Amino acid sequence: MFGAFDEFLRELIVEGTLEGLASARARGRVGGRPRAMDADGIEMARALYEMKG
């Protein structure tokens, strides 16, 4: 009995989370960690790596 209730509660939480993420994406918000380097930094790192080898 408690297991069924817990499973139902978990589904409600998951559903709410997914709705919130979809709403944020619709407003233009993007989740996740920001990139450490931009395209220029990656290009510079590749050039330095090729110079070394």
Protein backbone atom coordinates (compact mmCIF):
# COMPACT_ATOMS: atom_id res chain seq x y z
CA MET A 1 0.00 0.00 0.00
CA PHE A 2 2.74 2.49 0.96
CA GLY A 3 4.79 1.42 -2.04
CA ALA A 4 1.98 2.30 -4.44
CA PHE A 5 1.53 5.69 -2.77
CA ASP A 6 5.27 6.41 -2.95
CA GLU A 7 5.36 5.46 -6.62
CA PHE A 8 2.39 7.76 -7.32
CA LEU A 9 4.06 10.61 -5.43
CA ARG A 10 7.31 10.10 -7.33
CA GLU A 11 5.47 10.26 -10.66
CA LEU A 12 3.88 13.56 -9.60
CA ILE A 13 7.30 14.98 -8.73
CA VAL A 14 8.81 13.83 -12.03
CA GLU A 15 5.88 15.25 -13.99
CA GLY A 16 6.18 18.61 -12.24
CA THR A 17 9.92 18.74 -12.85
CA LEU A 18 9.53 18.00 -16.56
CA GLU A 19 6.79 20.62 -16.89
CA GLY A 20 9.02 23.18 -15.18
CA LEU A 21 11.96 22.41 -17.47
CA ALA A 22 9.74 22.63 -20.56
CA SER A 23 8.36 25.97 -19.35
CA ALA A 24 11.87 27.32 -18.77
CA ARG A 25 12.99 26.22 -22.25
CA ALA A 26 9.93 27.91 -23.78
CA ARG A 27 11.08 31.17 -22.12
CA GLY A 28 14.56 30.73 -23.59
CA ARG A 29 16.34 29.49 -20.46
CA VAL A 30 18.96 26.79 -20.93
CA GLY A 31 20.09 24.55 -18.12
CA GLY A 32 23.41 22.96 -17.41
CA ARG A 33 26.91 24.08 -16.67
CA PRO A 34 28.32 26.91 -18.81
CA ARG A 35 31.04 26.04 -21.28
CA ALA A 36 34.58 26.46 -19.97
CA MET A 37 35.96 27.76 -23.28
CA ASP A 38 34.54 29.62 -26.24
CA ALA A 39 35.38 28.80 -29.87
CA ASP A 40 38.44 31.09 -29.85
CA GLY A 41 39.89 29.40 -26.77
CA ILE A 42 39.44 25.94 -28.29
CA GLU A 43 41.10 27.08 -31.51
CA MET A 44 44.05 28.52 -29.56
CA ALA A 45 44.45 25.32 -27.53
CA ARG A 46 44.49 23.22 -30.70
CA ALA A 47 47.10 25.50 -32.27
CA LEU A 48 49.33 25.28 -29.19
CA TYR A 49 48.94 21.49 -29.12
CA GLU A 50 49.97 21.21 -32.78
CA MET A 51 52.98 23.49 -32.21
CA LYS A 52 54.16 21.29 -29.38
CA GLY A 53 54.02 18.03 -31.34
